[in-house]
Amino acid sequence: DLLYHEATFEHALADKAAKTGHSTTVEAARIAASANVQQLLIGHYSSRYQDVSFLESEAQTVFPNTRAVVEGQYYAF
């Protein structure tokens, strides 16, 4: 029902993600959609992003029930 997936980079950096063995927001969202889960949590962001709300919004264009989470925080669903 719930998938956590790393989304280290925005989709515009897909080439960099592939070269470094990471995923983009859109790739994570596509996997969630194909896995037929109810909710996607994304994390493990590149340190280049001070504000991850953009990454959450980008993933939501493919998989609307996406939430950007922060390591070490607790979430109740």
PDB file of N, CA and C in Angstrom:
ATOM      1  N   ASP A   1       0.803  -1.206   0.000  1.00  0.00           N
ATOM      2  CA  ASP A   1       0.000   0.000   0.000  1.00  0.00           C
ATOM      3  C   ASP A   1       0.842   1.265   0.000  1.00  0.00           C
ATOM      4  N   LEU A   2       2.045   1.179   0.532  1.00  0.00           N
ATOM      5  CA  LEU A   2       2.915   2.346   0.673  1.00  0.00           C
ATOM      6  C   LEU A   2       4.290   1.992   0.129  1.00  0.00           C
ATOM      7  N   LEU A   3       4.856   2.898  -0.650  1.00  0.00           N
ATOM      8  CA  LEU A   3       6.195   2.695  -1.196  1.00  0.00           C
ATOM      9  C   LEU A   3       7.064   3.877  -0.806  1.00  0.00           C
ATOM     10  N   TYR A   4       8.234   3.574  -0.253  1.00  0.00           N
ATOM     11  CA  TYR A   4       9.265   4.600  -0.053  1.00  0.00           C
ATOM     12  C   TYR A   4      10.282   4.393  -1.166  1.00  0.00           C
ATOM     13  N   HIS A   5      10.610   5.487  -1.853  1.00  0.00           N
ATOM     14  CA  HIS A   5      11.579   5.388  -2.944  1.00  0.00           C
ATOM     15  C   HIS A   5      12.467   6.619  -2.916  1.00  0.00           C
ATOM     16  N   GLU A   6      13.749   6.412  -3.114  1.00  0.00           N
ATOM     17  CA  GLU A   6      14.642   7.568  -3.203  1.00  0.00           C
ATOM     18  C   GLU A   6      14.337   8.347  -4.476  1.00  0.00           C
ATOM     19  N   ALA A   7      14.445   9.643  -4.355  1.00  0.00           N
ATOM     20  CA  ALA A   7      14.244  10.558  -5.491  1.00  0.00           C
ATOM     21  C   ALA A   7      15.310  11.632  -5.360  1.00  0.00           C
ATOM     22  N   THR A   8      16.518  11.233  -5.650  1.00  0.00           N
ATOM     23  CA  THR A   8      17.673  12.094  -5.409  1.00  0.00           C
ATOM     24  C   THR A   8      17.662  13.353  -6.264  1.00  0.00           C
ATOM     25  N   PHE A   9      17.152  13.233  -7.495  1.00  0.00           N
ATOM     26  CA  PHE A   9      17.228  14.350  -8.426  1.00  0.00           C
ATOM     27  C   PHE A   9      15.886  14.702  -9.046  1.00  0.00           C
ATOM     28  N   GLU A  10      15.770  15.949  -9.470  1.00  0.00           N
ATOM     29  CA  GLU A  10      14.620  16.365 -10.278  1.00  0.00           C
ATOM     30  C   GLU A  10      14.746  15.695 -11.642  1.00  0.00           C
ATOM     31  N   HIS A  11      13.645  15.633 -12.362  1.00  0.00           N
ATOM     32  CA  HIS A  11      13.626  14.896 -13.630  1.00  0.00           C
ATOM     33  C   HIS A  11      14.558  15.506 -14.689  1.00  0.00           C
ATOM     34  N   ALA A  12      14.780  16.792 -14.643  1.00  0.00           N
ATOM     35  CA  ALA A  12      15.682  17.439 -15.604  1.00  0.00           C
ATOM     36  C   ALA A  12      17.108  16.903 -15.497  1.00  0.00           C
ATOM     37  N   LEU A  13      17.438  16.269 -14.381  1.00  0.00           N
ATOM     38  CA  LEU A  13      18.785  15.724 -14.181  1.00  0.00           C
ATOM     39  C   LEU A  13      18.794  14.195 -14.313  1.00  0.00           C
ATOM     40  N   ALA A  14      17.934  13.669 -15.173  1.00  0.00           N
ATOM     41  CA  ALA A  14      17.823  12.218 -15.358  1.00  0.00           C
ATOM     42  C   ALA A  14      19.146  11.595 -15.798  1.00  0.00           C
ATOM     43  N   ASP A  15      19.904  12.271 -16.634  1.00  0.00           N
ATOM     44  CA  ASP A  15      21.194  11.730 -17.071  1.00  0.00           C
ATOM     45  C   ASP A  15      22.152  11.587 -15.893  1.00  0.00           C
ATOM     46  N   LYS A  16      22.195  12.596 -15.046  1.00  0.00           N
ATOM     47  CA  LYS A  16      23.056  12.549 -13.862  1.00  0.00           C
ATOM     48  C   LYS A  16      22.592  11.437 -12.918  1.00  0.00           C
ATOM     49  N   ALA A  17      21.289  11.286 -12.762  1.00  0.00           N
ATOM     50  CA  ALA A  17      20.751  10.226 -11.909  1.00  0.00           C
ATOM     51  C   ALA A  17      21.186   8.858 -12.426  1.00  0.00           C
ATOM     52  N   ALA A  18      21.075   8.645 -13.716  1.00  0.00           N
ATOM     53  CA  ALA A  18      21.456   7.356 -14.308  1.00  0.00           C
ATOM     54  C   ALA A  18      22.946   7.085 -14.125  1.00  0.00           C
ATOM     55  N   LYS A  19      23.761   8.108 -14.305  1.00  0.00           N
ATOM     56  CA  LYS A  19      25.217   7.940 -14.179  1.00  0.00           C
ATOM     57  C   LYS A  19      25.646   7.632 -12.751  1.00  0.00           C
ATOM     58  N   THR A  20      24.869   8.130 -11.770  1.00  0.00           N
ATOM     59  CA  THR A  20      25.245   7.957 -10.361  1.00  0.00           C
ATOM     60  C   THR A  20      24.455   6.860  -9.659  1.00  0.00           C
ATOM     61  N   GLY A  21      23.578   6.178 -10.407  1.00  0.00           N
ATOM     62  CA  GLY A  21      22.816   5.084  -9.821  1.00  0.00           C
ATOM     63  C   GLY A  21      21.679   5.531  -8.922  1.00  0.00           C
ATOM     64  N   HIS A  22      21.151   6.706  -9.188  1.00  0.00           N
ATOM     65  CA  HIS A  22      20.037   7.234  -8.403  1.00  0.00           C
ATOM     66  C   HIS A  22      18.798   7.380  -9.277  1.00  0.00           C
ATOM     67  N   SER A  23      17.723   7.842  -8.670  1.00  0.00           N
ATOM     68  CA  SER A  23      16.451   8.014  -9.373  1.00  0.00           C
ATOM     69  C   SER A  23      16.030   9.471  -9.361  1.00  0.00           C
ATOM     70  N   THR A  24      15.115   9.774 -10.276  1.00  0.00           N
ATOM     71  CA  THR A  24      14.486  11.098 -10.284  1.00  0.00           C
ATOM     72  C   THR A  24      13.103  10.986  -9.661  1.00  0.00           C
ATOM     73  N   THR A  25      12.508  12.121  -9.437  1.00  0.00           N
ATOM     74  CA  THR A  25      11.152  12.168  -8.899  1.00  0.00           C
ATOM     75  C   THR A  25      10.163  11.449  -9.809  1.00  0.00           C
ATOM     76  N   VAL A  26      10.294  11.687 -11.106  1.00  0.00           N
ATOM     77  CA  VAL A  26       9.369  11.086 -12.064  1.00  0.00           C
ATOM     78  C   VAL A  26       9.575   9.572 -12.136  1.00  0.00           C
ATOM     79  N   GLU A  27      10.811   9.121 -12.081  1.00  0.00           N
ATOM     80  CA  GLU A  27      11.067   7.678 -12.090  1.00  0.00           C
ATOM     81  C   GLU A  27      10.447   7.013 -10.863  1.00  0.00           C
ATOM     82  N   ALA A  28      10.609   7.626  -9.707  1.00  0.00           N
ATOM     83  CA  ALA A  28      10.008   7.076  -8.486  1.00  0.00           C
ATOM     84  C   ALA A  28       8.489   7.036  -8.605  1.00  0.00           C
ATOM     85  N   ALA A  29       7.905   8.085  -9.154  1.00  0.00           N
ATOM     86  CA  ALA A  29       6.448   8.140  -9.316  1.00  0.00           C
ATOM     87  C   ALA A  29       5.958   7.085 -10.299  1.00  0.00           C
ATOM     88  N   ARG A  30       6.695   6.858 -11.357  1.00  0.00           N
ATOM     89  CA  ARG A  30       6.307   5.826 -12.328  1.00  0.00           C
ATOM     90  C   ARG A  30       6.364   4.433 -11.710  1.00  0.00           C
ATOM     91  N   ILE A  31       7.350   4.196 -10.884  1.00  0.00           N
ATOM     92  CA  ILE A  31       7.454   2.899 -10.207  1.00  0.00           C
ATOM     93  C   ILE A  31       6.275   2.715  -9.256  1.00  0.00           C
ATOM     94  N   ALA A  32       5.920   3.759  -8.535  1.00  0.00           N
ATOM     95  CA  ALA A  32       4.763   3.682  -7.628  1.00  0.00           C
ATOM     96  C   ALA A  32       3.492   3.379  -8.399  1.00  0.00           C
ATOM     97  N   ALA A  33       3.321   4.030  -9.533  1.00  0.00           N
ATOM     98  CA  ALA A  33       2.130   3.790 -10.349  1.00  0.00           C
ATOM     99  C   ALA A  33       2.108   2.360 -10.871  1.00  0.00           C
ATOM    100  N   SER A  34       3.236   1.866 -11.342  1.00  0.00           N
ATOM    101  CA  SER A  34       3.269   0.500 -11.878  1.00  0.00           C
ATOM    102  C   SER A  34       3.133  -0.542 -10.775  1.00  0.00           C
ATOM    103  N   ALA A  35       3.531  -0.203  -9.552  1.00  0.00           N
ATOM    104  CA  ALA A  35       3.400  -1.122  -8.421  1.00  0.00           C
ATOM    105  C   ALA A  35       1.986  -1.102  -7.846  1.00  0.00           C
ATOM    106  N   ASN A  36       1.185  -0.168  -8.313  1.00  0.00           N
ATOM    107  CA  ASN A  36      -0.206  -0.059  -7.885  1.00  0.00           C
ATOM    108  C   ASN A  36      -0.337   0.152  -6.379  1.00  0.00           C
ATOM    109  N   VAL A  37       0.542   1.003  -5.831  1.00  0.00           N
ATOM    110  CA  VAL A  37       0.464   1.329  -4.407  1.00  0.00           C
ATOM    111  C   VAL A  37      -0.507   2.481  -4.197  1.00  0.00           C
ATOM    112  N   GLN A  38      -0.861   2.706  -2.954  1.00  0.00           N
ATOM    113  CA  GLN A  38      -1.774   3.789  -2.619  1.00  0.00           C
ATOM    114  C   GLN A  38      -1.039   5.110  -2.377  1.00  0.00           C
ATOM    115  N   GLN A  39       0.178   5.022  -1.833  1.00  0.00           N
ATOM    116  CA  GLN A  39       0.906   6.233  -1.490  1.00  0.00           C
ATOM    117  C   GLN A  39       2.398   6.046  -1.739  1.00  0.00           C
ATOM    118  N   LEU A  40       3.042   7.130  -2.170  1.00  0.00           N
ATOM    119  CA  LEU A  40       4.485   7.154  -2.409  1.00  0.00           C
ATOM    120  C   LEU A  40       5.126   8.160  -1.475  1.00  0.00           C
ATOM    121  N   LEU A  41       6.162   7.727  -0.792  1.00  0.00           N
ATOM    122  CA  LEU A  41       7.000   8.623   0.000  1.00  0.00           C
ATOM    123  C   LEU A  41       8.340   8.711  -0.705  1.00  0.00           C
ATOM    124  N   ILE A  42       8.807   9.918  -0.942  1.00  0.00           N
ATOM    125  CA  ILE A  42      10.113  10.094  -1.576  1.00  0.00           C
ATOM    126  C   ILE A  42      11.084  10.711  -0.580  1.00  0.00           C
ATOM    127  N   GLY A  43      12.353  10.398  -0.759  1.00  0.00           N
ATOM    128  CA  GLY A  43      13.393  10.923   0.118  1.00  0.00           C
ATOM    129  C   GLY A  43      14.760  10.725  -0.492  1.00  0.00           C
ATOM    130  N   HIS A  44      15.810  10.866   0.349  1.00  0.00           N
ATOM    131  CA  HIS A  44      17.207  10.706  -0.066  1.00  0.00           C
ATOM    132  C   HIS A  44      17.546  11.694  -1.187  1.00  0.00           C
ATOM    133  N   TYR A  45      17.318  12.959  -0.896  1.00  0.00           N
ATOM    134  CA  TYR A  45      17.501  14.016  -1.890  1.00  0.00           C
ATOM    135  C   TYR A  45      18.961  14.459  -1.979  1.00  0.00           C
ATOM    136  N   SER A  46      19.331  14.957  -3.131  1.00  0.00           N
ATOM    137  CA  SER A  46      20.637  15.571  -3.298  1.00  0.00           C
ATOM    138  C   SER A  46      20.719  16.800  -2.396  1.00  0.00           C
ATOM    139  N   SER A  47      21.906  17.073  -1.886  1.00  0.00           N
ATOM    140  CA  SER A  47      22.091  18.241  -1.010  1.00  0.00           C
ATOM    141  C   SER A  47      21.935  19.561  -1.765  1.00  0.00           C
ATOM    142  N   ARG A  48      21.818  19.502  -3.082  1.00  0.00           N
ATOM    143  CA  ARG A  48      21.603  20.719  -3.868  1.00  0.00           C
ATOM    144  C   ARG A  48      20.227  21.326  -3.608  1.00  0.00           C
ATOM    145  N   TYR A  49      19.296  20.526  -3.054  1.00  0.00           N
ATOM    146  CA  TYR A  49      17.926  20.998  -2.830  1.00  0.00           C
ATOM    147  C   TYR A  49      17.738  21.406  -1.371  1.00  0.00           C
ATOM    148  N   GLN A  50      17.591  22.688  -1.151  1.00  0.00           N
ATOM    149  CA  GLN A  50      17.319  23.189   0.194  1.00  0.00           C
ATOM    150  C   GLN A  50      15.830  23.070   0.523  1.00  0.00           C
ATOM    151  N   ASP A  51      15.005  23.208  -0.491  1.00  0.00           N
ATOM    152  CA  ASP A  51      13.552  23.102  -0.360  1.00  0.00           C
ATOM    153  C   ASP A  51      13.094  21.976  -1.276  1.00  0.00           C
ATOM    154  N   VAL A  52      12.519  20.920  -0.708  1.00  0.00           N
ATOM    155  CA  VAL A  52      12.140  19.758  -1.507  1.00  0.00           C
ATOM    156  C   VAL A  52      10.682  19.799  -1.967  1.00  0.00           C
ATOM    157  N   SER A  53       9.992  20.882  -1.702  1.00  0.00           N
ATOM    158  CA  SER A  53       8.587  20.961  -2.138  1.00  0.00           C
ATOM    159  C   SER A  53       8.476  20.873  -3.662  1.00  0.00           C
ATOM    160  N   PHE A  54       9.455  21.395  -4.380  1.00  0.00           N
ATOM    161  CA  PHE A  54       9.475  21.284  -5.834  1.00  0.00           C
ATOM    162  C   PHE A  54       9.549  19.822  -6.262  1.00  0.00           C
ATOM    163  N   LEU A  55      10.357  19.028  -5.568  1.00  0.00           N
ATOM    164  CA  LEU A  55      10.489  17.615  -5.904  1.00  0.00           C
ATOM    165  C   LEU A  55       9.172  16.880  -5.651  1.00  0.00           C
ATOM    166  N   GLU A  56       8.523  17.219  -4.571  1.00  0.00           N
ATOM    167  CA  GLU A  56       7.221  16.622  -4.273  1.00  0.00           C
ATOM    168  C   GLU A  56       6.214  16.961  -5.372  1.00  0.00           C
ATOM    169  N   SER A  57       6.163  18.212  -5.762  1.00  0.00           N
ATOM    170  CA  SER A  57       5.230  18.645  -6.809  1.00  0.00           C
ATOM    171  C   SER A  57       5.514  17.953  -8.129  1.00  0.00           C
ATOM    172  N   GLU A  58       6.779  17.803  -8.460  1.00  0.00           N
ATOM    173  CA  GLU A  58       7.131  17.160  -9.715  1.00  0.00           C
ATOM    174  C   GLU A  58       6.685  15.694  -9.720  1.00  0.00           C
ATOM    175  N   ALA A  59       6.907  14.980  -8.629  1.00  0.00           N
ATOM    176  CA  ALA A  59       6.465  13.586  -8.543  1.00  0.00           C
ATOM    177  C   ALA A  59       4.942  13.494  -8.604  1.00  0.00           C
ATOM    178  N   GLN A  60       4.257  14.460  -8.022  1.00  0.00           N
ATOM    179  CA  GLN A  60       2.791  14.451  -8.006  1.00  0.00           C
ATOM    180  C   GLN A  60       2.179  14.615  -9.391  1.00  0.00           C
ATOM    181  N   THR A  61       2.936  15.125 -10.350  1.00  0.00           N
ATOM    182  CA  THR A  61       2.405  15.230 -11.707  1.00  0.00           C
ATOM    183  C   THR A  61       2.192  13.846 -12.319  1.00  0.00           C
ATOM    184  N   VAL A  62       2.912  12.847 -11.814  1.00  0.00           N
ATOM    185  CA  VAL A  62       2.787  11.474 -12.302  1.00  0.00           C
ATOM    186  C   VAL A  62       1.991  10.612 -11.316  1.00  0.00           C
ATOM    187  N   PHE A  63       2.265  10.803 -10.042  1.00  0.00           N
ATOM    188  CA  PHE A  63       1.608  10.025  -8.989  1.00  0.00           C
ATOM    189  C   PHE A  63       1.124  10.999  -7.917  1.00  0.00           C
ATOM    190  N   PRO A  64      -0.145  11.413  -8.000  1.00  0.00           N
ATOM    191  CA  PRO A  64      -0.650  12.482  -7.134  1.00  0.00           C
ATOM    192  C   PRO A  64      -0.490  12.249  -5.632  1.00  0.00           C
ATOM    193  N   ASN A  65      -0.585  11.022  -5.176  1.00  0.00           N
ATOM    194  CA  ASN A  65      -0.501  10.773  -3.743  1.00  0.00           C
ATOM    195  C   ASN A  65       0.948  10.535  -3.320  1.00  0.00           C
ATOM    196  N   THR A  66       1.774  11.547  -3.575  1.00  0.00           N
ATOM    197  CA  THR A  66       3.194  11.526  -3.227  1.00  0.00           C
ATOM    198  C   THR A  66       3.441  12.524  -2.110  1.00  0.00           C
ATOM    199  N   ARG A  67       4.300  12.131  -1.186  1.00  0.00           N
ATOM    200  CA  ARG A  67       4.683  13.027  -0.099  1.00  0.00           C
ATOM    201  C   ARG A  67       6.203  12.990   0.048  1.00  0.00           C
ATOM    202  N   ALA A  68       6.814  14.160   0.081  1.00  0.00           N
ATOM    203  CA  ALA A  68       8.255  14.260   0.319  1.00  0.00           C
ATOM    204  C   ALA A  68       8.482  14.177   1.831  1.00  0.00           C
ATOM    205  N   VAL A  69       9.331  13.254   2.236  1.00  0.00           N
ATOM    206  CA  VAL A  69       9.590  13.065   3.658  1.00  0.00           C
ATOM    207  C   VAL A  69      11.048  13.378   3.967  1.00  0.00           C
ATOM    208  N   VAL A  70      11.305  13.602   5.235  1.00  0.00           N
ATOM    209  CA  VAL A  70      12.636  13.973   5.695  1.00  0.00           C
ATOM    210  C   VAL A  70      13.143  12.880   6.632  1.00  0.00           C
ATOM    211  N   GLU A  71      14.351  12.427   6.378  1.00  0.00           N
ATOM    212  CA  GLU A  71      14.960  11.380   7.194  1.00  0.00           C
ATOM    213  C   GLU A  71      14.985  11.782   8.659  1.00  0.00           C
ATOM    214  N   GLY A  72      14.615  10.849   9.527  1.00  0.00           N
ATOM    215  CA  GLY A  72      14.615  11.095  10.957  1.00  0.00           C
ATOM    216  C   GLY A  72      13.310  11.620  11.505  1.00  0.00           C
ATOM    217  N   GLN A  73      12.386  11.984  10.630  1.00  0.00           N
ATOM    218  CA  GLN A  73      11.084  12.459  11.072  1.00  0.00           C
ATOM    219  C   GLN A  73      10.106  11.289  11.138  1.00  0.00           C
ATOM    220  N   TYR A  74       9.082  11.429  11.958  1.00  0.00           N
ATOM    221  CA  TYR A  74       8.043  10.405  12.087  1.00  0.00           C
ATOM    222  C   TYR A  74       6.786  10.920  11.420  1.00  0.00           C
ATOM    223  N   TYR A  75       6.090  10.038  10.739  1.00  0.00           N
ATOM    224  CA  TYR A  75       4.871  10.384  10.020  1.00  0.00           C
ATOM    225  C   TYR A  75       3.768   9.412  10.380  1.00  0.00           C
ATOM    226  N   ALA A  76       2.556   9.917  10.545  1.00  0.00           N
ATOM    227  CA  ALA A  76       1.392   9.067  10.809  1.00  0.00           C
ATOM    228  C   ALA A  76       0.465   9.166   9.614  1.00  0.00           C
ATOM    229  N   PHE A  77       0.030   8.030   9.119  1.00  0.00           N
ATOM    230  CA  PHE A  77      -0.841   8.005   7.945  1.00  0.00           C
ATOM    231  C   PHE A  77      -2.119   7.291   8.257  1.00  0.00           C
TER     232      PHE A  77
END
